[in-house]
Amino acid sequence: MVVAGRVLTSSCAPVPGAAVRVWQTNGDGDYGPGQGTGQIQCCYLPGTMTTDAHGRYEFESVRPGNYSTTPHLHLVIRAPDGRGLETEVEVADDPRAGANGGPVLHLAERGGRLRASLDLVLG
């Protein structure tokens, strides 16, 4: 899957230079070595990127598998001025997605790939 979007201020201005950190389960629902043993080591699929001059970011990964909840991504965003956001984004095609009122990721196949757009707004 490819997830792309922008980091924006609450007034919709782009935030260049923001760090976007993401982690998730692999396609089997495992976060890392030791899954199910109480000795889990996070994570098989972490990544950090920096937004460009227009606040844009993009990453490629696998669709997260079921863990103990709906498939989801963890995101931590930090702007150069110190503002930030930490959230979980659930995959929309799971029947439990959105039940807690949080953001959802709408994946759609385009060009033979699962793709989603996800803008992140800093308060």
PDB file of N, CA and C in Angstrom:
ATOM      1  N   MET A   1       0.845  -1.175   0.000  1.00  0.00           N
ATOM      2  CA  MET A   1       0.000   0.000   0.000  1.00  0.00           C
ATOM      3  C   MET A   1       0.883   1.228   0.000  1.00  0.00           C
ATOM      4  N   VAL A   2       0.358   2.313  -0.564  1.00  0.00           N
ATOM      5  CA  VAL A   2       1.039   3.602  -0.574  1.00  0.00           C
ATOM      6  C   VAL A   2       0.126   4.599   0.123  1.00  0.00           C
ATOM      7  N   VAL A   3       0.657   5.265   1.142  1.00  0.00           N
ATOM      8  CA  VAL A   3      -0.095   6.286   1.868  1.00  0.00           C
ATOM      9  C   VAL A   3       0.622   7.612   1.650  1.00  0.00           C
ATOM     10  N   ALA A   4      -0.128   8.614   1.201  1.00  0.00           N
ATOM     11  CA  ALA A   4       0.442   9.935   0.942  1.00  0.00           C
ATOM     12  C   ALA A   4      -0.502  10.992   1.482  1.00  0.00           C
ATOM     13  N   GLY A   5       0.055  12.102   1.880  1.00  0.00           N
ATOM     14  CA  GLY A   5      -0.780  13.186   2.379  1.00  0.00           C
ATOM     15  C   GLY A   5       0.049  14.400   2.715  1.00  0.00           C
ATOM     16  N   ARG A   6      -0.553  15.282   3.499  1.00  0.00           N
ATOM     17  CA  ARG A   6       0.117  16.516   3.913  1.00  0.00           C
ATOM     18  C   ARG A   6      -0.013  16.674   5.416  1.00  0.00           C
ATOM     19  N   VAL A   7       0.945  17.333   6.002  1.00  0.00           N
ATOM     20  CA  VAL A   7       0.841  17.785   7.386  1.00  0.00           C
ATOM     21  C   VAL A   7       0.498  19.266   7.314  1.00  0.00           C
ATOM     22  N   LEU A   8      -0.586  19.632   7.996  1.00  0.00           N
ATOM     23  CA  LEU A   8      -1.127  20.990   7.914  1.00  0.00           C
ATOM     24  C   LEU A   8      -1.313  21.586   9.302  1.00  0.00           C
ATOM     25  N   THR A   9      -1.336  22.931   9.360  1.00  0.00           N
ATOM     26  CA  THR A   9      -1.718  23.615  10.589  1.00  0.00           C
ATOM     27  C   THR A   9      -3.242  23.620  10.664  1.00  0.00           C
ATOM     28  N   SER A  10      -3.785  24.072  11.788  1.00  0.00           N
ATOM     29  CA  SER A  10      -5.242  24.133  11.932  1.00  0.00           C
ATOM     30  C   SER A  10      -5.870  25.125  10.959  1.00  0.00           C
ATOM     31  N   SER A  11      -5.066  26.031  10.390  1.00  0.00           N
ATOM     32  CA  SER A  11      -5.581  26.956   9.370  1.00  0.00           C
ATOM     33  C   SER A  11      -5.279  26.449   7.959  1.00  0.00           C
ATOM     34  N   CYS A  12      -4.906  25.175   7.837  1.00  0.00           N
ATOM     35  CA  CYS A  12      -4.657  24.488   6.563  1.00  0.00           C
ATOM     36  C   CYS A  12      -3.386  24.939   5.834  1.00  0.00           C
ATOM     37  N   ALA A  13      -2.463  25.574   6.531  1.00  0.00           N
ATOM     38  CA  ALA A  13      -1.162  25.911   5.937  1.00  0.00           C
ATOM     39  C   ALA A  13      -0.267  24.672   6.011  1.00  0.00           C
ATOM     40  N   PRO A  14       0.529  24.420   4.972  1.00  0.00           N
ATOM     41  CA  PRO A  14       1.424  23.263   5.002  1.00  0.00           C
ATOM     42  C   PRO A  14       2.509  23.428   6.070  1.00  0.00           C
ATOM     43  N   VAL A  15       2.974  22.302   6.606  1.00  0.00           N
ATOM     44  CA  VAL A  15       4.037  22.311   7.615  1.00  0.00           C
ATOM     45  C   VAL A  15       5.271  21.626   7.006  1.00  0.00           C
ATOM     46  N   PRO A  16       6.192  22.402   6.436  1.00  0.00           N
ATOM     47  CA  PRO A  16       7.415  21.797   5.902  1.00  0.00           C
ATOM     48  C   PRO A  16       8.341  21.372   7.034  1.00  0.00           C
ATOM     49  N   GLY A  17       9.108  20.315   6.784  1.00  0.00           N
ATOM     50  CA  GLY A  17      10.102  19.870   7.748  1.00  0.00           C
ATOM     51  C   GLY A  17       9.562  19.127   8.949  1.00  0.00           C
ATOM     52  N   ALA A  18       8.302  18.720   8.917  1.00  0.00           N
ATOM     53  CA  ALA A  18       7.733  17.945  10.023  1.00  0.00           C
ATOM     54  C   ALA A  18       8.214  16.496   9.928  1.00  0.00           C
ATOM     55  N   ALA A  19       8.521  15.908  11.071  1.00  0.00           N
ATOM     56  CA  ALA A  19       8.890  14.491  11.120  1.00  0.00           C
ATOM     57  C   ALA A  19       7.608  13.671  11.249  1.00  0.00           C
ATOM     58  N   VAL A  20       7.451  12.684  10.392  1.00  0.00           N
ATOM     59  CA  VAL A  20       6.299  11.784  10.419  1.00  0.00           C
ATOM     60  C   VAL A  20       6.850  10.389  10.703  1.00  0.00           C
ATOM     61  N   ARG A  21       6.523   9.854  11.863  1.00  0.00           N
ATOM     62  CA  ARG A  21       6.980   8.513  12.252  1.00  0.00           C
ATOM     63  C   ARG A  21       5.777   7.586  12.229  1.00  0.00           C
ATOM     64  N   VAL A  22       5.934   6.430  11.614  1.00  0.00           N
ATOM     65  CA  VAL A  22       4.837   5.467  11.489  1.00  0.00           C
ATOM     66  C   VAL A  22       5.350   4.076  11.846  1.00  0.00           C
ATOM     67  N   TRP A  23       4.483   3.294  12.491  1.00  0.00           N
ATOM     68  CA  TRP A  23       4.772   1.877  12.698  1.00  0.00           C
ATOM     69  C   TRP A  23       3.464   1.118  12.693  1.00  0.00           C
ATOM     70  N   GLN A  24       3.552  -0.182  12.406  1.00  0.00           N
ATOM     71  CA  GLN A  24       2.358  -1.004  12.244  1.00  0.00           C
ATOM     72  C   GLN A  24       2.738  -2.467  12.327  1.00  0.00           C
ATOM     73  N   THR A  25       1.715  -3.327  12.316  1.00  0.00           N
ATOM     74  CA  THR A  25       1.965  -4.767  12.221  1.00  0.00           C
ATOM     75  C   THR A  25       2.324  -5.116  10.782  1.00  0.00           C
ATOM     76  N   ASN A  26       2.905  -6.285  10.610  1.00  0.00           N
ATOM     77  CA  ASN A  26       3.099  -6.796   9.257  1.00  0.00           C
ATOM     78  C   ASN A  26       1.766  -7.369   8.760  1.00  0.00           C
ATOM     79  N   GLY A  27       1.760  -7.980   7.602  1.00  0.00           N
ATOM     80  CA  GLY A  27       0.522  -8.520   7.038  1.00  0.00           C
ATOM     81  C   GLY A  27      -0.101  -9.638   7.856  1.00  0.00           C
ATOM     82  N   ASP A  28       0.701 -10.282   8.719  1.00  0.00           N
ATOM     83  CA  ASP A  28       0.196 -11.356   9.579  1.00  0.00           C
ATOM     84  C   ASP A  28      -0.300 -10.847  10.929  1.00  0.00           C
ATOM     85  N   GLY A  29      -0.191  -9.550  11.177  1.00  0.00           N
ATOM     86  CA  GLY A  29      -0.636  -9.001  12.455  1.00  0.00           C
ATOM     87  C   GLY A  29       0.421  -9.005  13.541  1.00  0.00           C
ATOM     88  N   ASP A  30       1.682  -9.242  13.181  1.00  0.00           N
ATOM     89  CA  ASP A  30       2.780  -9.252  14.151  1.00  0.00           C
ATOM     90  C   ASP A  30       3.479  -7.899  14.167  1.00  0.00           C
ATOM     91  N   TYR A  31       3.711  -7.361  15.375  1.00  0.00           N
ATOM     92  CA  TYR A  31       4.460  -6.110  15.510  1.00  0.00           C
ATOM     93  C   TYR A  31       5.956  -6.342  15.406  1.00  0.00           C
ATOM     94  N   GLY A  32       6.436  -7.432  15.997  1.00  0.00           N
ATOM     95  CA  GLY A  32       7.870  -7.683  15.987  1.00  0.00           C
ATOM     96  C   GLY A  32       8.194  -9.006  16.639  1.00  0.00           C
ATOM     97  N   PRO A  33       9.477  -9.310  16.752  1.00  0.00           N
ATOM     98  CA  PRO A  33       9.889 -10.561  17.385  1.00  0.00           C
ATOM     99  C   PRO A  33       9.321 -10.685  18.793  1.00  0.00           C
ATOM    100  N   GLY A  34       8.963 -11.900  19.166  1.00  0.00           N
ATOM    101  CA  GLY A  34       8.445 -12.152  20.503  1.00  0.00           C
ATOM    102  C   GLY A  34       6.947 -11.975  20.628  1.00  0.00           C
ATOM    103  N   GLN A  35       6.246 -11.751  19.536  1.00  0.00           N
ATOM    104  CA  GLN A  35       4.789 -11.575  19.556  1.00  0.00           C
ATOM    105  C   GLN A  35       4.141 -12.739  20.298  1.00  0.00           C
ATOM    106  N   GLY A  36       3.281 -12.445  21.257  1.00  0.00           N
ATOM    107  CA  GLY A  36       2.550 -13.457  21.996  1.00  0.00           C
ATOM    108  C   GLY A  36       3.322 -14.083  23.153  1.00  0.00           C
ATOM    109  N   THR A  37       4.545 -13.622  23.399  1.00  0.00           N
ATOM    110  CA  THR A  37       5.353 -14.206  24.469  1.00  0.00           C
ATOM    111  C   THR A  37       5.499 -13.285  25.677  1.00  0.00           C
ATOM    112  N   GLY A  38       5.028 -12.064  25.581  1.00  0.00           N
ATOM    113  CA  GLY A  38       5.261 -11.078  26.637  1.00  0.00           C
ATOM    114  C   GLY A  38       6.619 -10.414  26.494  1.00  0.00           C
ATOM    115  N   GLN A  39       7.382 -10.809  25.504  1.00  0.00           N
ATOM    116  CA  GLN A  39       8.722 -10.264  25.259  1.00  0.00           C
ATOM    117  C   GLN A  39       8.792  -9.594  23.882  1.00  0.00           C
ATOM    118  N   ILE A  40       7.673  -8.978  23.453  1.00  0.00           N
ATOM    119  CA  ILE A  40       7.629  -8.383  22.122  1.00  0.00           C
ATOM    120  C   ILE A  40       8.648  -7.259  21.977  1.00  0.00           C
ATOM    121  N   GLN A  41       9.273  -7.230  20.825  1.00  0.00           N
ATOM    122  CA  GLN A  41      10.210  -6.175  20.469  1.00  0.00           C
ATOM    123  C   GLN A  41       9.634  -5.446  19.263  1.00  0.00           C
ATOM    124  N   CYS A  42       9.353  -4.195  19.407  1.00  0.00           N
ATOM    125  CA  CYS A  42       8.747  -3.421  18.322  1.00  0.00           C
ATOM    126  C   CYS A  42       9.838  -2.889  17.403  1.00  0.00           C
ATOM    127  N   CYS A  43       9.711  -2.880  16.238  1.00  0.00           N
ATOM    128  CA  CYS A  43       8.666  -3.284  15.325  1.00  0.00           C
ATOM    129  C   CYS A  43       9.305  -3.735  14.020  1.00  0.00           C
ATOM    130  N   TYR A  44       8.632  -4.624  13.321  1.00  0.00           N
ATOM    131  CA  TYR A  44       9.112  -5.030  12.006  1.00  0.00           C
ATOM    132  C   TYR A  44       9.015  -3.887  10.993  1.00  0.00           C
ATOM    133  N   LEU A  45       7.982  -3.065  11.105  1.00  0.00           N
ATOM    134  CA  LEU A  45       7.710  -2.085  10.053  1.00  0.00           C
ATOM    135  C   LEU A  45       7.636  -0.649  10.582  1.00  0.00           C
ATOM    136  N   PRO A  46       8.757  -0.091  11.047  1.00  0.00           N
ATOM    137  CA  PRO A  46       8.762   1.322  11.430  1.00  0.00           C
ATOM    138  C   PRO A  46       9.324   2.172  10.288  1.00  0.00           C
ATOM    139  N   GLY A  47       9.032   3.441  10.312  1.00  0.00           N
ATOM    140  CA  GLY A  47       9.628   4.352   9.346  1.00  0.00           C
ATOM    141  C   GLY A  47       9.445   5.786   9.788  1.00  0.00           C
ATOM    142  N   THR A  48      10.381   6.625   9.401  1.00  0.00           N
ATOM    143  CA  THR A  48      10.293   8.063   9.681  1.00  0.00           C
ATOM    144  C   THR A  48      10.661   8.810   8.418  1.00  0.00           C
ATOM    145  N   MET A  49       9.890   9.838   8.115  1.00  0.00           N
ATOM    146  CA  MET A  49      10.156  10.678   6.960  1.00  0.00           C
ATOM    147  C   MET A  49       9.941  12.133   7.350  1.00  0.00           C
ATOM    148  N   THR A  50      10.393  13.044   6.512  1.00  0.00           N
ATOM    149  CA  THR A  50      10.245  14.478   6.746  1.00  0.00           C
ATOM    150  C   THR A  50       9.413  15.064   5.615  1.00  0.00           C
ATOM    151  N   THR A  51       8.469  15.930   5.967  1.00  0.00           N
ATOM    152  CA  THR A  51       7.630  16.550   4.937  1.00  0.00           C
ATOM    153  C   THR A  51       8.458  17.499   4.079  1.00  0.00           C
ATOM    154  N   ASP A  52       8.035  17.645   2.832  1.00  0.00           N
ATOM    155  CA  ASP A  52       8.728  18.538   1.908  1.00  0.00           C
ATOM    156  C   ASP A  52       8.269  19.992   2.115  1.00  0.00           C
ATOM    157  N   ALA A  53       8.666  20.876   1.243  1.00  0.00           N
ATOM    158  CA  ALA A  53       8.348  22.309   1.370  1.00  0.00           C
ATOM    159  C   ALA A  53       6.846  22.585   1.332  1.00  0.00           C
ATOM    160  N   HIS A  54       6.059  21.642   0.817  1.00  0.00           N
ATOM    161  CA  HIS A  54       4.604  21.804   0.731  1.00  0.00           C
ATOM    162  C   HIS A  54       3.879  20.977   1.794  1.00  0.00           C
ATOM    163  N   GLY A  55       4.627  20.445   2.760  1.00  0.00           N
ATOM    164  CA  GLY A  55       4.036  19.656   3.832  1.00  0.00           C
ATOM    165  C   GLY A  55       3.678  18.238   3.437  1.00  0.00           C
ATOM    166  N   ARG A  56       4.138  17.783   2.279  1.00  0.00           N
ATOM    167  CA  ARG A  56       3.766  16.459   1.779  1.00  0.00           C
ATOM    168  C   ARG A  56       4.701  15.358   2.301  1.00  0.00           C
ATOM    169  N   TYR A  57       4.118  14.179   2.460  1.00  0.00           N
ATOM    170  CA  TYR A  57       4.870  12.981   2.818  1.00  0.00           C
ATOM    171  C   TYR A  57       4.263  11.820   2.049  1.00  0.00           C
ATOM    172  N   GLU A  58       5.009  10.723   1.966  1.00  0.00           N
ATOM    173  CA  GLU A  58       4.511   9.509   1.325  1.00  0.00           C
ATOM    174  C   GLU A  58       5.333   8.337   1.834  1.00  0.00           C
ATOM    175  N   PHE A  59       4.663   7.198   2.058  1.00  0.00           N
ATOM    176  CA  PHE A  59       5.395   5.986   2.402  1.00  0.00           C
ATOM    177  C   PHE A  59       4.704   4.779   1.798  1.00  0.00           C
ATOM    178  N   GLU A  60       5.489   3.729   1.637  1.00  0.00           N
ATOM    179  CA  GLU A  60       5.011   2.473   1.083  1.00  0.00           C
ATOM    180  C   GLU A  60       5.204   1.385   2.130  1.00  0.00           C
ATOM    181  N   SER A  61       4.206   0.559   2.307  1.00  0.00           N
ATOM    182  CA  SER A  61       4.269  -0.519   3.288  1.00  0.00           C
ATOM    183  C   SER A  61       3.323  -1.631   2.851  1.00  0.00           C
ATOM    184  N   VAL A  62       3.069  -2.567   3.738  1.00  0.00           N
ATOM    185  CA  VAL A  62       2.070  -3.605   3.505  1.00  0.00           C
ATOM    186  C   VAL A  62       0.796  -3.215   4.242  1.00  0.00           C
ATOM    187  N   ARG A  63      -0.313  -3.769   3.826  1.00  0.00           N
ATOM    188  CA  ARG A  63      -1.555  -3.545   4.567  1.00  0.00           C
ATOM    189  C   ARG A  63      -1.388  -4.225   5.921  1.00  0.00           C
ATOM    190  N   PRO A  64      -1.617  -3.500   7.030  1.00  0.00           N
ATOM    191  CA  PRO A  64      -1.431  -4.130   8.343  1.00  0.00           C
ATOM    192  C   PRO A  64      -2.447  -5.242   8.568  1.00  0.00           C
ATOM    193  N   GLY A  65      -1.973  -6.310   9.204  1.00  0.00           N
ATOM    194  CA  GLY A  65      -2.850  -7.421   9.534  1.00  0.00           C
ATOM    195  C   GLY A  65      -3.554  -7.196  10.858  1.00  0.00           C
ATOM    196  N   ASN A  66      -4.523  -8.061  11.149  1.00  0.00           N
ATOM    197  CA  ASN A  66      -5.243  -7.980  12.425  1.00  0.00           C
ATOM    198  C   ASN A  66      -4.309  -8.313  13.567  1.00  0.00           C
ATOM    199  N   TYR A  67      -4.381  -7.505  14.600  1.00  0.00           N
ATOM    200  CA  TYR A  67      -3.639  -7.744  15.834  1.00  0.00           C
ATOM    201  C   TYR A  67      -4.709  -8.158  16.830  1.00  0.00           C
ATOM    202  N   SER A  68      -4.919  -7.439  17.894  1.00  0.00           N
ATOM    203  CA  SER A  68      -6.029  -7.731  18.799  1.00  0.00           C
ATOM    204  C   SER A  68      -7.172  -6.752  18.585  1.00  0.00           C
ATOM    205  N   THR A  69      -6.948  -5.786  17.696  1.00  0.00           N
ATOM    206  CA  THR A  69      -7.967  -4.790  17.362  1.00  0.00           C
ATOM    207  C   THR A  69      -8.047  -4.694  15.848  1.00  0.00           C
ATOM    208  N   THR A  70      -8.758  -3.709  15.368  1.00  0.00           N
ATOM    209  CA  THR A  70      -8.827  -3.493  13.925  1.00  0.00           C
ATOM    210  C   THR A  70      -7.435  -3.167  13.376  1.00  0.00           C
ATOM    211  N   PRO A  71      -7.130  -3.541  12.129  1.00  0.00           N
ATOM    212  CA  PRO A  71      -5.835  -3.177  11.547  1.00  0.00           C
ATOM    213  C   PRO A  71      -5.658  -1.654  11.583  1.00  0.00           C
ATOM    214  N   HIS A  72      -4.467  -1.218  11.957  1.00  0.00           N
ATOM    215  CA  HIS A  72      -4.246   0.223  12.121  1.00  0.00           C
ATOM    216  C   HIS A  72      -2.774   0.580  11.966  1.00  0.00           C
ATOM    217  N   LEU A  73      -2.543   1.880  11.806  1.00  0.00           N
ATOM    218  CA  LEU A  73      -1.208   2.463  11.766  1.00  0.00           C
ATOM    219  C   LEU A  73      -1.048   3.347  12.990  1.00  0.00           C
ATOM    220  N   HIS A  74       0.144   3.411  13.544  1.00  0.00           N
ATOM    221  CA  HIS A  74       0.478   4.367  14.591  1.00  0.00           C
ATOM    222  C   HIS A  74       1.249   5.502  13.936  1.00  0.00           C
ATOM    223  N   LEU A  75       0.899   6.743  14.258  1.00  0.00           N
ATOM    224  CA  LEU A  75       1.573   7.909  13.686  1.00  0.00           C
ATOM    225  C   LEU A  75       1.930   8.896  14.778  1.00  0.00           C
ATOM    226  N   VAL A  76       3.155   9.404  14.714  1.00  0.00           N
ATOM    227  CA  VAL A  76       3.592  10.497  15.579  1.00  0.00           C
ATOM    228  C   VAL A  76       4.176  11.557  14.665  1.00  0.00           C
ATOM    229  N   ILE A  77       3.636  12.765  14.756  1.00  0.00           N
ATOM    230  CA  ILE A  77       4.083  13.872  13.920  1.00  0.00           C
ATOM    231  C   ILE A  77       4.653  14.954  14.825  1.00  0.00           C
ATOM    232  N   ARG A  78       5.820  15.484  14.454  1.00  0.00           N
ATOM    233  CA  ARG A  78       6.437  16.582  15.194  1.00  0.00           C
ATOM    234  C   ARG A  78       6.851  17.653  14.196  1.00  0.00           C
ATOM    235  N   ALA A  79       6.296  18.857  14.373  1.00  0.00           N
ATOM    236  CA  ALA A  79       6.649  20.003  13.537  1.00  0.00           C
ATOM    237  C   ALA A  79       7.935  20.631  14.071  1.00  0.00           C
ATOM    238  N   PRO A  80       8.662  21.360  13.243  1.00  0.00           N
ATOM    239  CA  PRO A  80       9.873  22.018  13.706  1.00  0.00           C
ATOM    240  C   PRO A  80       9.635  22.990  14.875  1.00  0.00           C
ATOM    241  N   ASP A  81       8.421  23.563  14.975  1.00  0.00           N
ATOM    242  CA  ASP A  81       8.133  24.505  16.063  1.00  0.00           C
ATOM    243  C   ASP A  81       7.681  23.805  17.349  1.00  0.00           C
ATOM    244  N   GLY A  82       7.667  22.453  17.351  1.00  0.00           N
ATOM    245  CA  GLY A  82       7.320  21.712  18.555  1.00  0.00           C
ATOM    246  C   GLY A  82       5.897  21.201  18.614  1.00  0.00           C
ATOM    247  N   ARG A  83       5.008  21.711  17.756  1.00  0.00           N
ATOM    248  CA  ARG A  83       3.642  21.164  17.735  1.00  0.00           C
ATOM    249  C   ARG A  83       3.701  19.712  17.316  1.00  0.00           C
ATOM    250  N   GLY A  84       2.723  18.934  17.767  1.00  0.00           N
ATOM    251  CA  GLY A  84       2.740  17.533  17.412  1.00  0.00           C
ATOM    252  C   GLY A  84       1.381  16.876  17.476  1.00  0.00           C
ATOM    253  N   LEU A  85       1.369  15.639  17.051  1.00  0.00           N
ATOM    254  CA  LEU A  85       0.162  14.830  17.025  1.00  0.00           C
ATOM    255  C   LEU A  85       0.584  13.385  17.154  1.00  0.00           C
ATOM    256  N   GLU A  86      -0.133  12.630  17.973  1.00  0.00           N
ATOM    257  CA  GLU A  86       0.064  11.190  18.059  1.00  0.00           C
ATOM    258  C   GLU A  86      -1.303  10.550  17.906  1.00  0.00           C
ATOM    259  N   THR A  87      -1.427   9.605  16.975  1.00  0.00           N
ATOM    260  CA  THR A  87      -2.731   9.017  16.707  1.00  0.00           C
ATOM    261  C   THR A  87      -2.587   7.608  16.156  1.00  0.00           C
ATOM    262  N   GLU A  88      -3.686   6.874  16.174  1.00  0.00           N
ATOM    263  CA  GLU A  88      -3.815   5.606  15.466  1.00  0.00           C
ATOM    264  C   GLU A  88      -4.847   5.822  14.368  1.00  0.00           C
ATOM    265  N   VAL A  89      -4.569   5.274  13.209  1.00  0.00           N
ATOM    266  CA  VAL A  89      -5.480   5.382  12.071  1.00  0.00           C
ATOM    267  C   VAL A  89      -5.888   3.973  11.685  1.00  0.00           C
ATOM    268  N   GLU A  90      -7.179   3.687  11.783  1.00  0.00           N
ATOM    269  CA  GLU A  90      -7.684   2.350  11.485  1.00  0.00           C
ATOM    270  C   GLU A  90      -7.971   2.196   9.994  1.00  0.00           C
ATOM    271  N   VAL A  91      -7.840   0.968   9.499  1.00  0.00           N
ATOM    272  CA  VAL A  91      -8.130   0.669   8.098  1.00  0.00           C
ATOM    273  C   VAL A  91      -9.645   0.539   7.947  1.00  0.00           C
ATOM    274  N   ALA A  92     -10.218   1.339   7.064  1.00  0.00           N
ATOM    275  CA  ALA A  92     -11.670   1.513   6.964  1.00  0.00           C
ATOM    276  C   ALA A  92     -12.440   0.259   6.580  1.00  0.00           C
ATOM    277  N   ASP A  93     -11.810  -0.679   5.863  1.00  0.00           N
ATOM    278  CA  ASP A  93     -12.594  -1.833   5.401  1.00  0.00           C
ATOM    279  C   ASP A  93     -12.798  -2.896   6.479  1.00  0.00           C
ATOM    280  N   ASP A  94     -12.261  -2.686   7.677  1.00  0.00           N
ATOM    281  CA  ASP A  94     -12.530  -3.588   8.794  1.00  0.00           C
ATOM    282  C   ASP A  94     -13.857  -3.176   9.420  1.00  0.00           C
ATOM    283  N   PRO A  95     -14.759  -4.119   9.737  1.00  0.00           N
ATOM    284  CA  PRO A  95     -16.078  -3.753  10.270  1.00  0.00           C
ATOM    285  C   PRO A  95     -16.026  -2.988  11.596  1.00  0.00           C
ATOM    286  N   ARG A  96     -14.913  -3.099  12.322  1.00  0.00           N
ATOM    287  CA  ARG A  96     -14.799  -2.384  13.603  1.00  0.00           C
ATOM    288  C   ARG A  96     -14.201  -0.994  13.459  1.00  0.00           C
ATOM    289  N   ALA A  97     -13.736  -0.648  12.268  1.00  0.00           N
ATOM    290  CA  ALA A  97     -13.055   0.632  12.052  1.00  0.00           C
ATOM    291  C   ALA A  97     -13.964   1.817  12.358  1.00  0.00           C
ATOM    292  N   GLY A  98     -13.404   2.806  13.017  1.00  0.00           N
ATOM    293  CA  GLY A  98     -14.132   4.037  13.314  1.00  0.00           C
ATOM    294  C   GLY A  98     -15.041   3.956  14.517  1.00  0.00           C
ATOM    295  N   ALA A  99     -15.128   2.808  15.161  1.00  0.00           N
ATOM    296  CA  ALA A  99     -16.030   2.647  16.304  1.00  0.00           C
ATOM    297  C   ALA A  99     -15.664   3.564  17.461  1.00  0.00           C
ATOM    298  N   ASN A 100     -14.375   3.913  17.578  1.00  0.00           N
ATOM    299  CA  ASN A 100     -13.954   4.791  18.668  1.00  0.00           C
ATOM    300  C   ASN A 100     -13.941   6.261  18.258  1.00  0.00           C
ATOM    301  N   GLY A 101     -14.397   6.554  17.050  1.00  0.00           N
ATOM    302  CA  GLY A 101     -14.467   7.937  16.579  1.00  0.00           C
ATOM    303  C   GLY A 101     -13.169   8.486  16.032  1.00  0.00           C
ATOM    304  N   GLY A 102     -12.141   7.657  15.946  1.00  0.00           N
ATOM    305  CA  GLY A 102     -10.843   8.100  15.447  1.00  0.00           C
ATOM    306  C   GLY A 102     -10.784   8.105  13.930  1.00  0.00           C
ATOM    307  N   PRO A 103      -9.635   8.536  13.395  1.00  0.00           N
ATOM    308  CA  PRO A 103      -9.483   8.605  11.935  1.00  0.00           C
ATOM    309  C   PRO A 103      -9.420   7.219  11.307  1.00  0.00           C
ATOM    310  N   VAL A 104      -9.853   7.148  10.061  1.00  0.00           N
ATOM    311  CA  VAL A 104      -9.803   5.892   9.309  1.00  0.00           C
ATOM    312  C   VAL A 104      -9.082   6.116   7.984  1.00  0.00           C
ATOM    313  N   LEU A 105      -8.447   5.064   7.506  1.00  0.00           N
ATOM    314  CA  LEU A 105      -7.682   5.089   6.267  1.00  0.00           C
ATOM    315  C   LEU A 105      -8.491   4.347   5.213  1.00  0.00           C
ATOM    316  N   HIS A 106      -8.855   5.024   4.144  1.00  0.00           N
ATOM    317  CA  HIS A 106      -9.652   4.437   3.066  1.00  0.00           C
ATOM    318  C   HIS A 106      -8.710   4.000   1.943  1.00  0.00           C
ATOM    319  N   LEU A 107      -8.423   2.716   1.888  1.00  0.00           N
ATOM    320  CA  LEU A 107      -7.558   2.167   0.858  1.00  0.00           C
ATOM    321  C   LEU A 107      -8.376   1.838  -0.383  1.00  0.00           C
ATOM    322  N   ALA A 108      -7.849   2.195  -1.541  1.00  0.00           N
ATOM    323  CA  ALA A 108      -8.509   1.878  -2.803  1.00  0.00           C
ATOM    324  C   ALA A 108      -7.440   1.427  -3.786  1.00  0.00           C
ATOM    325  N   GLU A 109      -7.782   0.452  -4.604  1.00  0.00           N
ATOM    326  CA  GLU A 109      -6.821  -0.023  -5.603  1.00  0.00           C
ATOM    327  C   GLU A 109      -6.795   0.943  -6.774  1.00  0.00           C
ATOM    328  N   ARG A 110      -5.607   1.432  -7.068  1.00  0.00           N
ATOM    329  CA  ARG A 110      -5.380   2.308  -8.217  1.00  0.00           C
ATOM    330  C   ARG A 110      -4.024   1.949  -8.803  1.00  0.00           C
ATOM    331  N   GLY A 111      -4.004   1.677 -10.086  1.00  0.00           N
ATOM    332  CA  GLY A 111      -2.751   1.330 -10.742  1.00  0.00           C
ATOM    333  C   GLY A 111      -2.135   0.048 -10.214  1.00  0.00           C
ATOM    334  N   GLY A 112      -2.982  -0.898  -9.784  1.00  0.00           N
ATOM    335  CA  GLY A 112      -2.497  -2.165  -9.280  1.00  0.00           C
ATOM    336  C   GLY A 112      -1.945  -2.124  -7.867  1.00  0.00           C
ATOM    337  N   ARG A 113      -2.140  -1.002  -7.160  1.00  0.00           N
ATOM    338  CA  ARG A 113      -1.642  -0.852  -5.787  1.00  0.00           C
ATOM    339  C   ARG A 113      -2.758  -0.343  -4.901  1.00  0.00           C
ATOM    340  N   LEU A 114      -2.722  -0.707  -3.620  1.00  0.00           N
ATOM    341  CA  LEU A 114      -3.613  -0.090  -2.643  1.00  0.00           C
ATOM    342  C   LEU A 114      -3.045   1.281  -2.315  1.00  0.00           C
ATOM    343  N   ARG A 115      -3.885   2.311  -2.376  1.00  0.00           N
ATOM    344  CA  ARG A 115      -3.442   3.680  -2.115  1.00  0.00           C
ATOM    345  C   ARG A 115      -4.446   4.385  -1.218  1.00  0.00           C
ATOM    346  N   ALA A 116      -3.929   5.335  -0.456  1.00  0.00           N
ATOM    347  CA  ALA A 116      -4.776   6.147   0.417  1.00  0.00           C
ATOM    348  C   ALA A 116      -4.167   7.526   0.560  1.00  0.00           C
ATOM    349  N   SER A 117      -5.032   8.484   0.768  1.00  0.00           N
ATOM    350  CA  SER A 117      -4.627   9.852   1.070  1.00  0.00           C
ATOM    351  C   SER A 117      -4.964  10.127   2.527  1.00  0.00           C
ATOM    352  N   LEU A 118      -4.014  10.704   3.255  1.00  0.00           N
ATOM    353  CA  LEU A 118      -4.223  10.975   4.677  1.00  0.00           C
ATOM    354  C   LEU A 118      -3.550  12.284   5.060  1.00  0.00           C
ATOM    355  N   ASP A 119      -4.356  13.353   5.158  1.00  0.00           N
ATOM    356  CA  ASP A 119      -3.850  14.634   5.646  1.00  0.00           C
ATOM    357  C   ASP A 119      -3.911  14.646   7.156  1.00  0.00           C
ATOM    358  N   LEU A 120      -2.891  15.194   7.780  1.00  0.00           N
ATOM    359  CA  LEU A 120      -2.767  15.228   9.240  1.00  0.00           C
ATOM    360  C   LEU A 120      -2.718  16.685   9.684  1.00  0.00           C
ATOM    361  N   VAL A 121      -3.621  17.070  10.579  1.00  0.00           N
ATOM    362  CA  VAL A 121      -3.748  18.466  10.999  1.00  0.00           C
ATOM    363  C   VAL A 121      -3.232  18.617  12.427  1.00  0.00           C
ATOM    364  N   LEU A 122      -2.290  19.524  12.608  1.00  0.00           N
ATOM    365  CA  LEU A 122      -1.727  19.816  13.924  1.00  0.00           C
ATOM    366  C   LEU A 122      -2.532  20.932  14.572  1.00  0.00           C
ATOM    367  N   GLY A 123      -2.896  20.767  15.843  1.00  0.00           N
ATOM    368  CA  GLY A 123      -3.662  21.789  16.555  1.00  0.00           C
ATOM    369  C   GLY A 123      -2.823  22.929  17.030  1.00  0.00           C
TER     370      GLY A 123
END
